[in-house]
Amino acid sequence: MAPFLALLKQDISQHPERLRPITADLVSRLQDLVGAIDVDIDQVLPDDDDIASDEPA
């Protein structure tokens, strides 16, 4: 995770003009896209990373 955060820090430092605020309109659009999806942040992801289906691989 640290390398990714370092990359973000570098990109933000070099290109602050790319930053965009999270507006109420963006939140609304995101909720329209994924608002009906239930997420359990405590659920362990499967080893094969195939979360698109409940069927065994």
PDB file of N, CA and C in Angstrom:
ATOM      1  N   MET A   1       0.824  -1.188   0.000  1.00  0.00           N
ATOM      2  CA  MET A   1       0.000   0.000   0.000  1.00  0.00           C
ATOM      3  C   MET A   1       0.873   1.259   0.000  1.00  0.00           C
ATOM      4  N   ALA A   2       2.002   1.191   0.677  1.00  0.00           N
ATOM      5  CA  ALA A   2       2.886   2.357   0.765  1.00  0.00           C
ATOM      6  C   ALA A   2       3.362   2.845  -0.605  1.00  0.00           C
ATOM      7  N   PRO A   3       3.746   1.945  -1.524  1.00  0.00           N
ATOM      8  CA  PRO A   3       4.163   2.442  -2.849  1.00  0.00           C
ATOM      9  C   PRO A   3       3.043   3.184  -3.583  1.00  0.00           C
ATOM     10  N   PHE A   4       1.815   2.702  -3.438  1.00  0.00           N
ATOM     11  CA  PHE A   4       0.685   3.366  -4.088  1.00  0.00           C
ATOM     12  C   PHE A   4       0.456   4.752  -3.492  1.00  0.00           C
ATOM     13  N   LEU A   5       0.529   4.855  -2.166  1.00  0.00           N
ATOM     14  CA  LEU A   5       0.348   6.154  -1.523  1.00  0.00           C
ATOM     15  C   LEU A   5       1.466   7.122  -1.905  1.00  0.00           C
ATOM     16  N   ALA A   6       2.684   6.610  -2.043  1.00  0.00           N
ATOM     17  CA  ALA A   6       3.799   7.455  -2.481  1.00  0.00           C
ATOM     18  C   ALA A   6       3.557   7.960  -3.902  1.00  0.00           C
ATOM     19  N   LEU A   7       3.029   7.091  -4.758  1.00  0.00           N
ATOM     20  CA  LEU A   7       2.700   7.494  -6.126  1.00  0.00           C
ATOM     21  C   LEU A   7       1.635   8.588  -6.126  1.00  0.00           C
ATOM     22  N   LEU A   8       0.608   8.428  -5.307  1.00  0.00           N
ATOM     23  CA  LEU A   8      -0.432   9.460  -5.210  1.00  0.00           C
ATOM     24  C   LEU A   8       0.150  10.785  -4.732  1.00  0.00           C
ATOM     25  N   LYS A   9       0.989  10.711  -3.705  1.00  0.00           N
ATOM     26  CA  LYS A   9       1.609  11.925  -3.170  1.00  0.00           C
ATOM     27  C   LYS A   9       2.415  12.640  -4.246  1.00  0.00           C
ATOM     28  N   GLN A  10       3.197  11.884  -4.999  1.00  0.00           N
ATOM     29  CA  GLN A  10       4.014  12.456  -6.063  1.00  0.00           C
ATOM     30  C   GLN A  10       3.132  13.070  -7.152  1.00  0.00           C
ATOM     31  N   ASP A  11       2.092  12.363  -7.555  1.00  0.00           N
ATOM     32  CA  ASP A  11       1.217  12.856  -8.618  1.00  0.00           C
ATOM     33  C   ASP A  11       0.486  14.122  -8.189  1.00  0.00           C
ATOM     34  N   ILE A  12       0.014  14.145  -6.955  1.00  0.00           N
ATOM     35  CA  ILE A  12      -0.685  15.335  -6.453  1.00  0.00           C
ATOM     36  C   ILE A  12       0.268  16.520  -6.378  1.00  0.00           C
ATOM     37  N   SER A  13       1.506  16.260  -5.946  1.00  0.00           N
ATOM     38  CA  SER A  13       2.499  17.335  -5.860  1.00  0.00           C
ATOM     39  C   SER A  13       2.840  17.896  -7.236  1.00  0.00           C
ATOM     40  N   GLN A  14       2.960  17.013  -8.220  1.00  0.00           N
ATOM     41  CA  GLN A  14       3.357  17.440  -9.558  1.00  0.00           C
ATOM     42  C   GLN A  14       2.198  17.969 -10.395  1.00  0.00           C
ATOM     43  N   HIS A  15       0.977  17.548 -10.082  1.00  0.00           N
ATOM     44  CA  HIS A  15      -0.183  17.934 -10.895  1.00  0.00           C
ATOM     45  C   HIS A  15      -1.389  18.280 -10.018  1.00  0.00           C
ATOM     46  N   PRO A  16      -1.284  19.317  -9.191  1.00  0.00           N
ATOM     47  CA  PRO A  16      -2.415  19.662  -8.318  1.00  0.00           C
ATOM     48  C   PRO A  16      -3.665  20.076  -9.099  1.00  0.00           C
ATOM     49  N   GLU A  17      -3.490  20.472 -10.351  1.00  0.00           N
ATOM     50  CA  GLU A  17      -4.638  20.880 -11.167  1.00  0.00           C
ATOM     51  C   GLU A  17      -5.558  19.712 -11.494  1.00  0.00           C
ATOM     52  N   ARG A  18      -5.084  18.494 -11.297  1.00  0.00           N
ATOM     53  CA  ARG A  18      -5.906  17.313 -11.573  1.00  0.00           C
ATOM     54  C   ARG A  18      -6.895  17.002 -10.447  1.00  0.00           C
ATOM     55  N   LEU A  19      -6.684  17.587  -9.282  1.00  0.00           N
ATOM     56  CA  LEU A  19      -7.582  17.318  -8.156  1.00  0.00           C
ATOM     57  C   LEU A  19      -8.963  17.877  -8.442  1.00  0.00           C
ATOM     58  N   ARG A  20      -9.969  17.113  -8.079  1.00  0.00           N
ATOM     59  CA  ARG A  20     -11.356  17.534  -8.273  1.00  0.00           C
ATOM     60  C   ARG A  20     -12.113  17.306  -6.969  1.00  0.00           C
ATOM     61  N   PRO A  21     -13.003  18.224  -6.615  1.00  0.00           N
ATOM     62  CA  PRO A  21     -13.790  18.024  -5.391  1.00  0.00           C
ATOM     63  C   PRO A  21     -14.843  16.939  -5.588  1.00  0.00           C
ATOM     64  N   ILE A  22     -15.219  16.333  -4.495  1.00  0.00           N
ATOM     65  CA  ILE A  22     -16.335  15.381  -4.526  1.00  0.00           C
ATOM     66  C   ILE A  22     -17.591  16.200  -4.268  1.00  0.00           C
ATOM     67  N   THR A  23     -18.336  16.449  -5.323  1.00  0.00           N
ATOM     68  CA  THR A  23     -19.523  17.296  -5.241  1.00  0.00           C
ATOM     69  C   THR A  23     -20.760  16.468  -4.903  1.00  0.00           C
ATOM     70  N   ALA A  24     -21.814  17.142  -4.510  1.00  0.00           N
ATOM     71  CA  ALA A  24     -23.084  16.467  -4.233  1.00  0.00           C
ATOM     72  C   ALA A  24     -23.591  15.759  -5.489  1.00  0.00           C
ATOM     73  N   ASP A  25     -23.365  16.362  -6.656  1.00  0.00           N
ATOM     74  CA  ASP A  25     -23.777  15.739  -7.913  1.00  0.00           C
ATOM     75  C   ASP A  25     -23.024  14.434  -8.152  1.00  0.00           C
ATOM     76  N   LEU A  26     -21.722  14.427  -7.889  1.00  0.00           N
ATOM     77  CA  LEU A  26     -20.935  13.207  -8.060  1.00  0.00           C
ATOM     78  C   LEU A  26     -21.405  12.124  -7.093  1.00  0.00           C
ATOM     79  N   VAL A  27     -21.658  12.489  -5.855  1.00  0.00           N
ATOM     80  CA  VAL A  27     -22.157  11.523  -4.873  1.00  0.00           C
ATOM     81  C   VAL A  27     -23.482  10.936  -5.340  1.00  0.00           C
ATOM     82  N   SER A  28     -24.362  11.778  -5.844  1.00  0.00           N
ATOM     83  CA  SER A  28     -25.655  11.311  -6.342  1.00  0.00           C
ATOM     84  C   SER A  28     -25.484  10.347  -7.510  1.00  0.00           C
ATOM     85  N   ARG A  29     -24.591  10.677  -8.433  1.00  0.00           N
ATOM     86  CA  ARG A  29     -24.348   9.792  -9.579  1.00  0.00           C
ATOM     87  C   ARG A  29     -23.769   8.455  -9.133  1.00  0.00           C
ATOM     88  N   LEU A  30     -22.863   8.479  -8.173  1.00  0.00           N
ATOM     89  CA  LEU A  30     -22.285   7.235  -7.660  1.00  0.00           C
ATOM     90  C   LEU A  30     -23.338   6.390  -6.953  1.00  0.00           C
ATOM     91  N   GLN A  31     -24.210   7.029  -6.189  1.00  0.00           N
ATOM     92  CA  GLN A  31     -25.283   6.290  -5.521  1.00  0.00           C
ATOM     93  C   GLN A  31     -26.233   5.675  -6.534  1.00  0.00           C
ATOM     94  N   ASP A  32     -26.497   6.373  -7.629  1.00  0.00           N
ATOM     95  CA  ASP A  32     -27.334   5.807  -8.689  1.00  0.00           C
ATOM     96  C   ASP A  32     -26.689   4.557  -9.287  1.00  0.00           C
ATOM     97  N   LEU A  33     -25.367   4.572  -9.391  1.00  0.00           N
ATOM     98  CA  LEU A  33     -24.652   3.437  -9.980  1.00  0.00           C
ATOM     99  C   LEU A  33     -24.565   2.238  -9.044  1.00  0.00           C
ATOM    100  N   VAL A  34     -24.272   2.478  -7.777  1.00  0.00           N
ATOM    101  CA  VAL A  34     -23.983   1.368  -6.858  1.00  0.00           C
ATOM    102  C   VAL A  34     -24.791   1.413  -5.567  1.00  0.00           C
ATOM    103  N   GLY A  35     -25.744   2.305  -5.482  1.00  0.00           N
ATOM    104  CA  GLY A  35     -26.491   2.486  -4.248  1.00  0.00           C
ATOM    105  C   GLY A  35     -27.235   1.261  -3.764  1.00  0.00           C
ATOM    106  N   ALA A  36     -27.634   0.374  -4.668  1.00  0.00           N
ATOM    107  CA  ALA A  36     -28.411  -0.800  -4.278  1.00  0.00           C
ATOM    108  C   ALA A  36     -27.534  -2.005  -3.941  1.00  0.00           C
ATOM    109  N   ILE A  37     -26.228  -1.848  -4.009  1.00  0.00           N
ATOM    110  CA  ILE A  37     -25.316  -2.959  -3.733  1.00  0.00           C
ATOM    111  C   ILE A  37     -24.985  -2.979  -2.247  1.00  0.00           C
ATOM    112  N   ASP A  38     -25.227  -4.125  -1.605  1.00  0.00           N
ATOM    113  CA  ASP A  38     -24.867  -4.286  -0.202  1.00  0.00           C
ATOM    114  C   ASP A  38     -23.404  -4.690  -0.105  1.00  0.00           C
ATOM    115  N   VAL A  39     -22.678  -4.035   0.781  1.00  0.00           N
ATOM    116  CA  VAL A  39     -21.261  -4.332   0.963  1.00  0.00           C
ATOM    117  C   VAL A  39     -21.018  -4.665   2.423  1.00  0.00           C
ATOM    118  N   ASP A  40     -20.376  -5.800   2.648  1.00  0.00           N
ATOM    119  CA  ASP A  40     -19.972  -6.202   3.992  1.00  0.00           C
ATOM    120  C   ASP A  40     -18.462  -6.033   4.067  1.00  0.00           C
ATOM    121  N   ILE A  41     -18.007  -4.949   4.711  1.00  0.00           N
ATOM    122  CA  ILE A  41     -16.573  -4.682   4.743  1.00  0.00           C
ATOM    123  C   ILE A  41     -15.807  -5.693   5.582  1.00  0.00           C
ATOM    124  N   ASP A  42     -16.513  -6.513   6.350  1.00  0.00           N
ATOM    125  CA  ASP A  42     -15.857  -7.541   7.155  1.00  0.00           C
ATOM    126  C   ASP A  42     -15.756  -8.875   6.429  1.00  0.00           C
ATOM    127  N   GLN A  43     -16.391  -9.005   5.278  1.00  0.00           N
ATOM    128  CA  GLN A  43     -16.366 -10.257   4.527  1.00  0.00           C
ATOM    129  C   GLN A  43     -14.994 -10.464   3.894  1.00  0.00           C
ATOM    130  N   VAL A  44     -14.463 -11.658   4.052  1.00  0.00           N
ATOM    131  CA  VAL A  44     -13.176 -12.005   3.462  1.00  0.00           C
ATOM    132  C   VAL A  44     -13.378 -12.288   1.978  1.00  0.00           C
ATOM    133  N   LEU A  45     -12.521 -11.695   1.146  1.00  0.00           N
ATOM    134  CA  LEU A  45     -12.609 -11.934  -0.291  1.00  0.00           C
ATOM    135  C   LEU A  45     -12.087 -13.322  -0.617  1.00  0.00           C
ATOM    136  N   PRO A  46     -12.654 -13.956  -1.635  1.00  0.00           N
ATOM    137  CA  PRO A  46     -12.187 -15.294  -2.014  1.00  0.00           C
ATOM    138  C   PRO A  46     -10.760 -15.244  -2.559  1.00  0.00           C
ATOM    139  N   ASP A  47     -10.056 -16.365  -2.434  1.00  0.00           N
ATOM    140  CA  ASP A  47      -8.669 -16.437  -2.893  1.00  0.00           C
ATOM    141  C   ASP A  47      -8.527 -16.189  -4.386  1.00  0.00           C
ATOM    142  N   ASP A  48      -9.521 -16.608  -5.179  1.00  0.00           N
ATOM    143  CA  ASP A  48      -9.406 -16.467  -6.629  1.00  0.00           C
ATOM    144  C   ASP A  48      -9.837 -15.091  -7.134  1.00  0.00           C
ATOM    145  N   ASP A  49     -10.230 -14.201  -6.235  1.00  0.00           N
ATOM    146  CA  ASP A  49     -10.649 -12.844  -6.585  1.00  0.00           C
ATOM    147  C   ASP A  49     -11.842 -12.800  -7.525  1.00  0.00           C
ATOM    148  N   ASP A  50     -12.572 -13.894  -7.667  1.00  0.00           N
ATOM    149  CA  ASP A  50     -13.744 -13.927  -8.534  1.00  0.00           C
ATOM    150  C   ASP A  50     -14.978 -13.634  -7.690  1.00  0.00           C
ATOM    151  N   ILE A  51     -15.256 -12.356  -7.488  1.00  0.00           N
ATOM    152  CA  ILE A  51     -16.395 -11.978  -6.666  1.00  0.00           C
ATOM    153  C   ILE A  51     -17.623 -11.665  -7.509  1.00  0.00           C
ATOM    154  N   ALA A  52     -17.517 -11.843  -8.829  1.00  0.00           N
ATOM    155  CA  ALA A  52     -18.636 -11.547  -9.722  1.00  0.00           C
ATOM    156  C   ALA A  52     -19.704 -12.625  -9.666  1.00  0.00           C
ATOM    157  N   SER A  53     -19.391 -13.755  -9.101  1.00  0.00           N
ATOM    158  CA  SER A  53     -20.329 -14.860  -9.077  1.00  0.00           C
ATOM    159  C   SER A  53     -20.233 -15.593  -7.753  1.00  0.00           C
ATOM    160  N   ASP A  54     -21.360 -16.115  -7.293  1.00  0.00           N
ATOM    161  CA  ASP A  54     -21.364 -16.932  -6.085  1.00  0.00           C
ATOM    162  C   ASP A  54     -21.077 -18.388  -6.406  1.00  0.00           C
ATOM    163  N   GLU A  55     -20.978 -18.709  -7.706  1.00  0.00           N
ATOM    164  CA  GLU A  55     -20.716 -20.080  -8.132  1.00  0.00           C
ATOM    165  C   GLU A  55     -19.252 -20.427  -7.895  1.00  0.00           C
ATOM    166  N   PRO A  56     -18.975 -21.653  -7.453  1.00  0.00           N
ATOM    167  CA  PRO A  56     -17.569 -22.045  -7.293  1.00  0.00           C
ATOM    168  C   PRO A  56     -16.854 -22.074  -8.641  1.00  0.00           C
ATOM    169  N   ALA A  57     -15.571 -21.770  -8.612  1.00  0.00           N
ATOM    170  CA  ALA A  57     -14.783 -21.735  -9.859  1.00  0.00           C
ATOM    171  C   ALA A  57     -14.464 -23.128 -10.347  1.00  0.00           C
TER     172      ALA A  57
END
